[in-house]
Protein backbone atom coordinates (compact mmCIF):
# COMPACT_ATOMS: atom_id res chain seq x y z
CA MET A 1 4.48 10.28 -12.29
CA SER A 2 0.94 10.79 -13.61
CA SER A 3 -1.19 13.54 -12.03
CA LYS A 4 -4.22 11.25 -11.87
CA VAL A 5 -5.04 7.58 -12.41
CA ILE A 6 -8.12 6.92 -14.52
CA ILE A 7 -9.82 3.60 -13.73
CA GLY A 8 -11.15 1.74 -16.75
CA CYS A 9 -12.95 -1.58 -17.24
CA GLU A 10 -9.90 -3.82 -17.64
CA GLY A 11 -8.38 -3.88 -14.19
CA THR A 12 -4.99 -2.42 -13.27
CA ASP A 13 -1.33 -3.36 -12.92
CA LEU A 14 1.59 -3.13 -10.49
CA LEU A 15 3.01 0.05 -11.96
CA THR A 16 -0.30 1.81 -11.43
CA VAL A 17 -0.54 0.49 -7.88
CA ARG A 18 2.89 1.99 -7.25
CA GLN A 19 1.45 5.38 -8.25
CA ILE A 20 -1.40 4.94 -5.77
CA LEU A 21 1.11 4.06 -3.03
CA GLU A 22 2.88 7.32 -3.87
CA GLY A 23 -0.34 9.29 -3.36
CA VAL A 24 -1.63 9.85 -6.89
CA PRO A 25 -5.43 10.47 -6.89
CA PHE A 26 -7.77 8.27 -8.91
CA GLU A 27 -11.16 8.51 -10.57
CA LEU A 28 -13.49 6.50 -12.81
CA GLY A 29 -13.25 6.71 -16.56
CA GLN A 30 -16.43 7.12 -18.58
CA ASP A 31 -16.35 3.48 -19.73
CA ALA A 32 -16.10 2.24 -16.14
CA ALA A 33 -18.95 4.48 -15.01
CA ALA A 34 -21.10 3.15 -17.84
CA ALA A 35 -20.25 -0.46 -16.97
CA ILE A 36 -21.21 0.07 -13.32
CA THR A 37 -24.51 1.70 -14.31
CA SER A 38 -25.32 -1.09 -16.74
CA ALA A 39 -24.60 -3.76 -14.11
CA ARG A 40 -26.87 -2.05 -11.61
CA SER A 41 -29.75 -2.17 -14.07
CA LYS A 42 -29.33 -5.95 -14.22
CA ILE A 43 -29.67 -6.16 -10.43
CA ASP A 44 -32.89 -4.14 -10.62
CA ILE A 45 -34.28 -6.59 -13.20
CA LEU A 46 -33.33 -9.58 -11.04
CA LEU A 47 -35.02 -8.05 -8.01
CA LYS A 48 -38.27 -7.63 -9.94
CA SER A 49 -38.24 -11.36 -10.75
CA GLY A 50 -38.76 -12.19 -7.06
CA LYS A 51 -36.44 -15.20 -7.26
CA PRO A 52 -34.03 -15.90 -4.35
CA ILE A 53 -30.57 -14.68 -5.39
CA TYR A 54 -27.68 -15.16 -2.98
CA GLY A 55 -26.53 -11.93 -1.39
CA VAL A 56 -29.08 -9.87 -3.31
CA ASN A 57 -32.27 -10.79 -1.48
CA THR A 58 -31.01 -13.58 0.83
CA GLY A 59 -28.82 -13.84 3.89
CA PHE A 60 -25.13 -14.79 3.75
CA GLY A 61 -23.06 -17.90 4.38
CA ARG A 62 -25.12 -20.46 6.30
CA LEU A 63 -28.09 -18.04 5.96
CA ALA A 64 -28.02 -18.19 2.15
CA SER A 65 -31.43 -19.88 2.00
CA THR A 66 -33.11 -17.20 4.14
CA VAL A 67 -35.05 -14.82 1.88
CA VAL A 68 -35.14 -11.22 3.11
CA PRO A 69 -38.24 -9.01 2.56
CA SER A 70 -37.73 -6.31 -0.09
CA ASP A 71 -38.24 -3.47 2.39
CA GLU A 72 -35.33 -4.79 4.50
CA LEU A 73 -32.74 -5.24 1.75
CA GLY A 74 -31.00 -1.96 2.51
CA LEU A 75 -30.85 -2.79 6.21
CA LEU A 76 -29.50 -6.25 5.30
CA GLN A 77 -26.56 -4.67 3.47
CA LYS A 78 -25.82 -2.14 6.22
CA ASN A 79 -25.99 -4.86 8.87
CA LEU A 80 -23.57 -6.91 6.80
CA LEU A 81 -20.89 -4.22 7.10
CA LEU A 82 -21.60 -3.49 10.75
CA SER A 83 -21.47 -7.13 11.82
CA HIS A 84 -18.48 -8.04 9.67
CA ALA A 85 -16.24 -5.18 10.84
CA CYS A 86 -14.70 -7.11 13.72
CA SER A 87 -10.99 -7.29 12.87
CA THR A 88 -8.30 -6.86 15.51
CA GLY A 89 -4.62 -6.08 15.79
CA SER A 90 -2.54 -3.10 14.78
CA LEU A 91 -3.94 -0.84 12.08
CA LEU A 92 -2.85 -1.34 8.49
CA PRO A 93 -0.73 1.57 7.19
CA PRO A 94 -2.79 4.33 5.50
CA ASP A 95 -1.07 3.83 2.14
CA ILE A 96 -2.04 0.14 2.15
CA VAL A 97 -5.66 1.00 3.02
CA ARG A 98 -5.74 3.53 0.21
CA VAL A 99 -4.56 0.83 -2.21
CA MET A 100 -7.31 -1.44 -0.86
CA ILE A 101 -9.90 1.23 -1.71
CA PHE A 102 -8.40 1.70 -5.16
CA LEU A 103 -8.35 -2.03 -5.88
CA ARG A 104 -11.94 -2.48 -4.69
CA VAL A 105 -13.03 0.29 -7.04
CA VAL A 106 -11.03 -1.30 -9.86
CA SER A 107 -12.87 -4.59 -9.35
CA LEU A 108 -16.27 -2.90 -9.15
CA ALA A 109 -15.45 -0.94 -12.31
CA ARG A 110 -15.50 -4.18 -14.30
CA GLY A 111 -19.29 -3.96 -14.19
CA ARG A 112 -19.96 -7.41 -12.78
CA SER A 113 -20.92 -6.62 -9.19
CA GLY A 114 -24.14 -4.63 -9.47
CA ILE A 115 -23.25 -1.79 -7.12
CA ARG A 116 -24.59 1.72 -7.73
CA LEU A 117 -22.35 4.37 -9.29
CA LYS A 118 -23.17 6.70 -6.40
CA THR A 119 -21.72 4.26 -3.88
CA VAL A 120 -18.53 3.73 -5.88
CA ASN A 121 -18.03 7.48 -6.20
CA ALA A 122 -18.37 7.86 -2.43
CA LEU A 123 -15.60 5.29 -1.95
CA ILE A 124 -13.41 7.15 -4.46
CA LYS A 125 -13.99 10.48 -2.73
CA LEU A 126 -13.01 8.98 0.61
CA GLY A 127 -9.92 7.37 -0.94
CA ASN A 128 -8.77 10.74 -2.30
CA SER A 129 -9.50 12.64 0.92
CA LYS A 130 -7.23 13.43 3.86
CA PHE A 131 -8.92 10.66 5.85
CA THR A 132 -8.13 6.96 5.65
CA PRO A 133 -10.39 4.25 7.12
CA ALA A 134 -8.94 2.67 10.26
CA VAL A 135 -8.54 -1.01 9.33
CA PRO A 136 -7.18 -3.52 11.89
CA SER A 137 -4.76 -5.94 10.26
CA GLN A 138 -5.94 -9.30 11.66
CA GLY A 139 -9.21 -11.11 11.09
CA SER A 140 -9.39 -12.23 7.47
CA LEU A 141 -9.45 -15.90 6.46
CA GLY A 142 -8.82 -14.98 2.84
CA ALA A 143 -11.96 -16.70 1.54
CA SER A 144 -15.34 -15.13 1.00
CA GLY A 145 -12.81 -12.41 0.38
CA ASP A 146 -11.26 -10.17 3.00
CA LEU A 147 -14.62 -9.67 4.66
CA ALA A 148 -13.62 -8.15 8.00
CA PRO A 149 -10.93 -5.68 6.85
CA LEU A 150 -13.00 -4.57 3.86
CA ALA A 151 -15.99 -3.99 6.13
CA HIS A 152 -13.85 -1.68 8.28
CA MET A 153 -12.65 0.01 5.10
CA CYS A 154 -16.15 0.73 3.82
CA LEU A 155 -18.02 1.64 7.01
CA PRO A 156 -16.95 5.32 6.91
CA ILE A 157 -18.93 6.00 3.70
CA LEU A 158 -22.00 5.04 5.75
CA GLY A 159 -20.98 7.49 8.47
CA GLU A 160 -19.90 4.55 10.64
CA GLY A 161 -16.57 3.12 11.72
CA GLU A 162 -13.39 5.13 12.19
CA CYS A 163 -10.80 6.98 10.12
CA ILE A 164 -7.26 8.26 10.57
CA ASP A 165 -6.59 11.91 9.72
CA GLN A 166 -3.34 13.27 8.29
CA ASP A 167 -1.97 13.80 11.79
CA GLY A 168 -2.51 10.15 12.69
CA GLN A 169 -5.47 10.89 14.95
CA ILE A 170 -8.51 8.60 15.07
CA VAL A 171 -11.82 10.26 14.20
CA SER A 172 -15.26 8.76 13.69
CA GLY A 173 -16.49 7.92 10.22
CA ALA A 174 -19.23 10.51 10.65
CA GLU A 175 -16.66 13.22 11.48
CA ALA A 176 -14.59 12.28 8.44
CA LEU A 177 -17.63 12.50 6.16
CA ASP A 178 -18.63 15.85 7.60
CA ALA A 179 -15.12 17.27 7.13
CA THR A 180 -15.02 15.94 3.56
CA GLY A 181 -18.44 17.36 2.72
CA MET A 182 -19.98 13.94 2.05
CA GLU A 183 -23.41 12.59 2.90
CA PRO A 184 -23.65 9.06 4.34
CA VAL A 185 -24.48 6.41 1.74
CA GLU A 186 -27.66 4.41 2.27
CA LEU A 187 -26.90 1.00 0.84
CA GLN A 188 -29.34 -0.84 -1.39
CA ALA A 189 -29.63 -4.49 -2.43
CA LYS A 190 -26.33 -6.30 -3.11
CA GLU A 191 -24.16 -3.26 -2.35
CA GLY A 192 -22.76 -4.29 1.03
CA LEU A 193 -21.69 -7.65 -0.32
CA ALA A 194 -20.20 -6.00 -3.41
CA LEU A 195 -18.10 -3.77 -1.17
CA ILE A 196 -16.56 -6.45 1.04
CA ASN A 197 -16.48 -9.70 -0.93
CA GLY A 198 -13.03 -9.56 -2.51
CA THR A 199 -9.30 -10.13 -2.09
CA GLN A 200 -8.26 -6.49 -1.89
CA ALA A 201 -6.59 -6.57 1.55
CA MET A 202 -4.26 -9.45 0.71
CA THR A 203 -3.66 -8.08 -2.78
CA ALA A 204 -2.81 -4.59 -1.52
CA LEU A 205 -0.34 -6.04 0.97
CA MET A 206 1.18 -8.25 -1.71
CA CYS A 207 1.55 -5.33 -4.13
CA SER A 208 3.55 -3.45 -1.51
CA ALA A 209 5.67 -6.52 -0.70
CA VAL A 210 6.36 -7.33 -4.35
CA LEU A 211 7.29 -3.76 -5.28
CA ASP A 212 9.74 -3.69 -2.36
CA SER A 213 11.04 -7.14 -3.32
CA GLN A 214 11.83 -5.97 -6.84
CA ARG A 215 14.19 -3.38 -5.37
CA LEU A 216 15.47 -5.90 -2.84
CA MET A 217 16.54 -8.34 -5.57
CA ASP A 218 18.83 -5.80 -7.24
CA ALA A 219 20.12 -4.61 -3.87
CA ALA A 220 20.98 -8.21 -2.92
CA ASP A 221 23.12 -8.63 -6.05
CA ALA A 222 24.81 -5.26 -5.53
CA THR A 223 25.52 -6.20 -1.93
CA ALA A 224 26.94 -9.59 -2.88
CA ALA A 225 29.24 -7.90 -5.40
CA ILE A 226 30.80 -5.47 -2.92
CA THR A 227 31.17 -8.25 -0.33
CA LEU A 228 32.86 -10.56 -2.84
CA GLU A 229 35.33 -7.80 -3.60
CA ALA A 230 35.93 -6.97 0.08
CA LEU A 231 36.63 -10.63 0.88
CA LEU A 232 39.08 -10.95 -2.02
CA GLY A 233 36.92 -13.52 -3.73
CA THR A 234 36.99 -14.63 -7.34
CA ASP A 235 34.58 -13.91 -10.15
CA SER A 236 35.20 -17.26 -11.85
CA ALA A 237 31.86 -18.63 -10.54
CA LEU A 238 30.12 -15.81 -12.44
CA ASP A 239 31.35 -17.03 -15.82
CA SER A 240 28.51 -16.69 -18.33
CA GLU A 241 29.28 -19.99 -20.05
CA LEU A 242 29.30 -21.78 -16.69
CA ILE A 243 25.97 -20.26 -15.66
CA GLY A 244 24.49 -21.06 -19.08
CA LEU A 245 25.11 -24.76 -18.55
CA ARG A 246 22.25 -24.68 -16.03
CA PRO A 247 19.92 -22.29 -17.82
CA HIS A 248 17.74 -20.86 -15.07
CA PRO A 249 17.09 -17.27 -16.17
CA GLY A 250 17.30 -15.80 -12.67
CA ALA A 251 20.80 -17.18 -12.10
CA PHE A 252 21.98 -15.73 -15.40
CA GLU A 253 20.45 -12.35 -14.49
CA SER A 254 22.09 -12.27 -11.07
CA ALA A 255 25.49 -13.38 -12.38
CA GLU A 256 25.39 -10.73 -15.10
CA PHE A 257 24.35 -8.06 -12.58
CA ILE A 258 27.24 -8.92 -10.24
CA ARG A 259 29.76 -9.16 -13.11
CA LYS A 260 28.84 -5.68 -14.31
CA HIS A 261 29.23 -4.28 -10.81
CA LEU A 262 32.72 -5.74 -10.59
CA GLU A 263 33.89 -4.49 -14.01
CA GLY A 264 37.15 -2.59 -13.73
CA SER A 265 37.94 -3.88 -10.24
CA GLU A 266 41.65 -4.00 -9.48
CA ILE A 267 40.92 -5.40 -6.02
CA LEU A 268 39.32 -8.55 -7.43
CA HIS A 269 42.47 -9.41 -9.40
CA SER A 270 45.03 -8.22 -6.84
CA HIS A 271 45.60 -11.60 -5.19
CA PRO A 272 46.44 -14.23 -7.85
CA SER A 273 48.76 -16.10 -5.47
CA CYS A 274 46.52 -16.13 -2.39
CA GLY A 275 46.22 -19.91 -2.44
CA LYS A 276 42.42 -20.06 -2.40
CA VAL A 277 41.04 -22.63 -4.83
CA GLN A 278 37.38 -21.61 -4.53
CA ASP A 279 35.12 -19.44 -2.41
CA ALA A 280 32.59 -20.54 0.19
CA TYR A 281 29.05 -21.24 -0.95
CA SER A 282 27.68 -17.91 0.30
CA LEU A 283 29.97 -16.23 -2.27
CA ARG A 284 30.31 -18.84 -4.98
CA CYS A 285 26.64 -19.86 -5.17
CA THR A 286 25.17 -16.38 -5.06
CA PRO A 287 23.86 -16.49 -8.66
CA GLN A 288 22.09 -19.78 -8.03
CA VAL A 289 20.52 -18.67 -4.72
CA HIS A 290 19.64 -15.12 -5.72
CA GLY A 291 18.60 -16.35 -9.14
CA ALA A 292 16.11 -18.83 -7.69
CA SER A 293 14.54 -15.95 -5.77
CA ARG A 294 14.40 -13.89 -8.94
CA ASP A 295 12.65 -16.72 -10.78
CA ALA A 296 10.19 -17.08 -7.92
CA LEU A 297 9.42 -13.36 -8.07
CA LYS A 298 8.54 -13.66 -11.76
CA TYR A 299 5.87 -16.27 -10.94
CA ILE A 300 4.59 -14.13 -8.08
CA GLU A 301 4.39 -11.03 -10.27
CA THR A 302 2.45 -12.96 -12.92
CA THR A 303 -0.05 -14.19 -10.34
CA LEU A 304 -0.48 -10.72 -8.89
CA GLU A 305 -0.93 -9.06 -12.28
CA ARG A 306 -3.76 -11.51 -12.99
CA GLU A 307 -5.36 -10.74 -9.63
CA LEU A 308 -5.19 -7.02 -10.40
CA LYS A 309 -7.45 -7.63 -13.39
CA ALA A 310 -9.84 -9.93 -11.55
CA VAL A 311 -13.42 -9.60 -10.34
CA THR A 312 -13.60 -11.26 -6.93
CA ASP A 313 -17.17 -10.54 -5.86
CA ASN A 314 -19.98 -13.09 -5.45
CA PRO A 315 -22.43 -13.54 -7.03
CA LEU A 316 -21.25 -12.06 -10.32
CA LEU A 317 -23.33 -10.80 -13.21
CA MET A 318 -22.96 -12.49 -16.57
CA GLU A 319 -23.38 -10.64 -19.85
CA ASP A 320 -26.84 -12.16 -20.34
CA GLY A 321 -28.02 -10.82 -16.98
CA ARG A 322 -27.67 -13.99 -14.91
CA ALA A 323 -26.30 -13.74 -11.37
CA VAL A 324 -23.95 -16.70 -10.90
CA SER A 325 -22.63 -17.70 -7.50
CA GLY A 326 -19.10 -19.05 -7.50
CA GLY A 327 -15.75 -18.85 -5.74
CA ASN A 328 -13.79 -16.02 -7.34
CA PHE A 329 -13.34 -14.53 -3.88
CA HIS A 330 -11.21 -17.45 -2.69
CA GLY A 331 -7.69 -16.21 -2.03
CA GLN A 332 -5.75 -19.39 -2.81
CA PRO A 333 -3.79 -18.03 -5.82
CA VAL A 334 -2.66 -14.98 -3.85
CA ALA A 335 -1.99 -17.11 -0.77
CA PHE A 336 0.35 -19.41 -2.68
CA ALA A 337 2.11 -16.41 -4.21
CA ALA A 338 2.51 -14.79 -0.79
CA ASP A 339 3.95 -17.94 0.74
CA HIS A 340 6.32 -18.30 -2.20
CA LEU A 341 7.45 -14.69 -1.77
CA LYS A 342 8.09 -15.30 1.91
CA ILE A 343 10.47 -18.17 1.13
CA ALA A 344 12.20 -16.40 -1.77
CA VAL A 345 12.94 -13.24 0.20
CA ALA A 346 13.86 -15.10 3.39
CA GLU A 347 16.57 -16.92 1.44
CA LEU A 348 18.09 -13.63 0.31
CA ALA A 349 18.42 -12.71 3.98
CA ASN A 350 19.73 -16.18 4.89
CA ILE A 351 22.68 -16.05 2.53
CA SER A 352 23.29 -12.35 3.26
CA GLU A 353 23.74 -13.01 6.97
CA ARG A 354 26.28 -15.75 6.16
CA ARG A 355 28.29 -13.28 4.06
CA THR A 356 28.15 -10.82 6.96
CA GLU A 357 29.62 -13.51 9.22
CA ARG A 358 32.53 -13.92 6.83
CA LEU A 359 33.14 -10.17 6.79
CA LEU A 360 33.20 -9.90 10.60
CA ASN A 361 35.10 -13.09 11.41
CA PRO A 362 38.89 -12.39 11.27
CA ASP A 363 39.61 -16.07 10.68
CA LEU A 364 37.61 -15.92 7.46
CA SER A 365 38.20 -12.36 6.29
CA GLY A 366 41.81 -11.60 7.20
CA LEU A 367 40.49 -8.26 8.45
CA PRO A 368 40.28 -6.86 12.02
CA ALA A 369 37.75 -8.64 14.22
CA PHE A 370 34.24 -7.29 13.75
CA LEU A 371 35.76 -4.64 11.46
CA SER A 372 36.86 -2.41 14.31
CA PRO A 373 40.23 -0.61 14.03
CA ALA A 374 40.76 -1.39 17.72
CA PRO A 375 38.98 -4.66 18.56
CA GLY A 376 38.80 -5.43 22.24
CA THR A 377 38.08 -2.01 23.62
CA ASN A 378 35.68 -1.68 20.71
CA SER A 379 33.09 -4.27 19.64
CA GLY A 380 32.69 -2.91 16.13
CA LEU A 381 29.84 -4.48 14.18
CA MET A 382 29.64 -7.57 16.39
CA ILE A 383 26.09 -7.03 17.65
CA ALA A 384 24.82 -5.78 14.29
CA GLN A 385 25.24 -9.36 13.14
CA TYR A 386 23.29 -10.56 16.19
CA THR A 387 20.34 -8.49 15.06
CA ALA A 388 20.65 -9.78 11.50
CA ALA A 389 20.82 -13.36 12.77
CA SER A 390 17.74 -12.75 14.93
CA LEU A 391 15.79 -11.42 11.95
CA VAL A 392 16.88 -14.33 9.77
CA SER A 393 15.70 -16.76 12.42
CA GLU A 394 12.38 -14.91 12.75
CA ASN A 395 11.97 -15.04 8.97
CA LYS A 396 12.23 -18.83 9.11
CA VAL A 397 9.22 -18.95 11.43
CA LEU A 398 7.24 -16.47 9.34
CA ALA A 399 8.09 -18.36 6.14
CA HIS A 400 6.08 -21.39 7.23
CA PRO A 401 3.33 -21.48 4.58
CA ALA A 402 0.08 -20.06 5.91
CA SER A 403 -1.78 -21.44 2.90
CA VAL A 404 -1.41 -25.07 4.04
CA ASP A 405 -3.79 -24.27 6.87
CA SER A 406 -7.58 -23.99 6.76
CA ILE A 407 -10.45 -23.85 9.22
CA SER A 408 -14.18 -24.31 8.74
CA VAL A 409 -16.50 -21.36 9.45
CA SER A 410 -20.07 -20.16 8.89
CA GLY A 411 -21.74 -23.36 10.00
CA CYS A 412 -19.43 -25.42 7.73
CA GLN A 413 -20.73 -23.62 4.63
CA GLU A 414 -17.34 -22.00 4.20
CA ASP A 415 -15.33 -25.09 4.99
CA HIS A 416 -12.04 -24.32 3.23
CA VAL A 417 -10.22 -21.00 3.43
CA SER A 418 -6.90 -19.71 2.06
CA MET A 419 -5.32 -17.75 4.92
CA GLY A 420 -3.98 -15.55 2.12
CA THR A 421 -4.10 -12.32 4.11
CA THR A 422 -2.06 -13.87 6.90
CA ALA A 423 0.50 -14.97 4.31
CA ALA A 424 0.55 -11.50 2.76
CA ARG A 425 1.08 -9.80 6.13
CA GLN A 426 3.93 -12.20 6.85
CA ALA A 427 5.43 -11.47 3.42
CA VAL A 428 5.47 -7.74 4.19
CA GLU A 429 7.22 -8.46 7.49
CA ILE A 430 9.82 -10.75 5.92
CA VAL A 431 10.61 -8.16 3.26
CA ARG A 432 11.08 -5.51 5.96
CA ASN A 433 13.31 -7.83 8.02
CA SER A 434 15.35 -8.76 4.97
CA CYS A 435 15.98 -5.12 4.06
CA HIS A 436 17.61 -4.69 7.48
CA VAL A 437 19.68 -7.88 7.08
CA LEU A 438 20.98 -6.73 3.69
CA ALA A 439 21.63 -3.26 5.09
CA THR A 440 23.79 -4.86 7.78
CA GLU A 441 25.83 -6.69 5.16
CA LEU A 442 26.23 -3.49 3.16
CA VAL A 443 27.48 -1.60 6.20
CA ALA A 444 29.92 -4.42 6.96
CA ALA A 445 31.17 -4.59 3.36
CA VAL A 446 31.72 -0.83 3.18
CA GLN A 447 33.57 -0.86 6.51
CA ALA A 448 35.67 -3.79 5.27
CA HIS A 449 36.69 -1.86 2.16
CA ARG A 450 38.03 0.90 4.40
CA PHE A 451 40.76 -1.53 5.51
CA LEU A 452 41.77 -2.50 1.97
CA SER A 453 44.50 -0.94 -0.11
CA ARG A 454 44.54 -3.02 -3.27
CA GLY A 455 43.66 -0.60 -6.03
CA ILE A 456 40.38 0.71 -7.37
CA MET A 457 36.97 -0.86 -6.85
CA GLY A 458 34.65 -2.05 -9.60
CA ARG A 459 32.49 0.56 -11.31
CA GLY A 460 29.32 -0.69 -9.66
CA THR A 461 30.83 -1.50 -6.28
CA ARG A 462 32.42 1.94 -6.10
CA LYS A 463 29.00 3.52 -6.66
CA THR A 464 27.54 1.34 -3.91
CA PHE A 465 30.40 2.27 -1.58
CA VAL A 466 29.84 5.99 -2.11
CA THR A 467 26.05 5.69 -1.69
CA VAL A 468 26.31 3.76 1.58
CA SER A 469 29.18 5.89 2.93
CA ALA A 470 26.97 8.97 2.62
CA VAL A 471 24.84 7.65 5.48
CA PHE A 472 27.40 5.40 7.21
CA PRO A 473 30.59 7.28 8.16
CA PRO A 474 33.73 5.30 9.01
CA LEU A 475 33.45 3.32 12.24
CA ASP A 476 36.72 4.47 13.82
CA GLU A 477 35.51 3.74 17.32
CA ASP A 478 32.35 2.40 18.90
CA ARG A 479 29.30 4.60 18.58
CA GLN A 480 25.59 4.05 18.15
CA PHE A 481 25.08 3.28 14.47
CA VAL A 482 21.60 1.75 14.44
CA GLY A 483 20.34 4.85 12.63
CA ASP A 484 22.99 4.35 9.94
CA ILE A 485 21.81 0.79 9.27
CA GLU A 486 18.21 1.94 9.11
CA ALA A 487 19.21 4.67 6.67
CA VAL A 488 20.83 2.04 4.45
CA ALA A 489 17.68 -0.11 4.72
CA CYS A 490 15.70 2.93 3.52
CA LEU A 491 18.05 3.24 0.53
CA ILE A 492 17.29 -0.40 -0.30
CA ARG A 493 13.52 0.08 -0.01
CA GLU A 494 13.71 3.19 -2.20
CA GLY A 495 15.69 1.38 -4.89
CA ASN A 496 18.84 3.48 -4.45
CA ILE A 497 21.25 0.55 -4.03
CA CYS A 498 22.12 -0.84 -7.44
């Protein structure tokens, strides 16, 4: 892991965002500082022209035609942040807010927004401090950017708003500045709009969800492999020639992953005369289902990588000095990607819960009911499946696409919005739910293997068994094991199930 991230003029990428999530500090490179300074000089030239320029010397939204006197431009920008910071709901996690700050700086570093270098450096200093702006999670429409959450994020550099300290306590923005040794920023023309007109809230949430989903995809295949083995299934549906006859790359990747996990398995080939002709869909069609989710993730990653290199302010400065008003702030691309991620990950949980049912049902598994050595007196993993089923059902509600909705605001000037931040929040929740569902299947599969005596496991499945067993001891009798399942879910989120 790098000791410091240097922000240049070309945007960023997912791997760098992962470093920020892990707490790596960041700063501007010399080229980015020069680009910001050059852009600010263009704003100064435009102001001297006296022409109305949206967001520079005019009001916002429906008030775009209202010209503001030059001696009130700083107040205009401060008022913008104060009036727009009206989100609600639970606070976004500090690591997500820190990524939001980083991504906003990355966008400003492209030198197209016209903010002062001093203001950007104040945001960087706050982002690297022990204080994180307190940002409520609800209130963005995902068009005109993430106005409300970004306003909350930026108020503390003005000595306004609130922050969270390292102990989780709420302090005022002024207290945070004082403790950090910073002076409040006095905004000038265009700066308030440059700070809040962007897609950084939805993009930060999506970065977190996608990075977790990358680990979830591999964990889903590893989980399917150990379940297939525990249920005495067949690997014939994983045949590479068979999969190649329908050449979706994700299906091929999943089938290959599962095959490798099962290499060397004596269990898989210990029942040639069992009478089964083929496995149920939740086992046999795993490559096709998981693979479709893998293919979806590739599209989502591509969209997100583009957004991480984008400038989403308005108006934006062209190379010849023009300020052009457009719609780069509109969150539709990220909204579609978030909704797609919701569906792709929800399906991983859907099929996982069905495999869990097969593991727990003695009529389908041939194993003790609910994988208890003494079913009846003991309920085993019965209710663990209830929780998984509940989460799967909740995912189906959350997976409804937020991006198909819109609502007109700002006197019908902003008459189509993306709801991208809602979609991104839902994506984060679905990923979290799905980690728990897969963890439940893993616990069930490991417990099922404890009843088998059919030779050695596959090389990959054995590794999975040992990893999960380290946090999930044998369930010899009923006990509270919710902490065990959560520990397995943590292993999934950390990428330690593979």
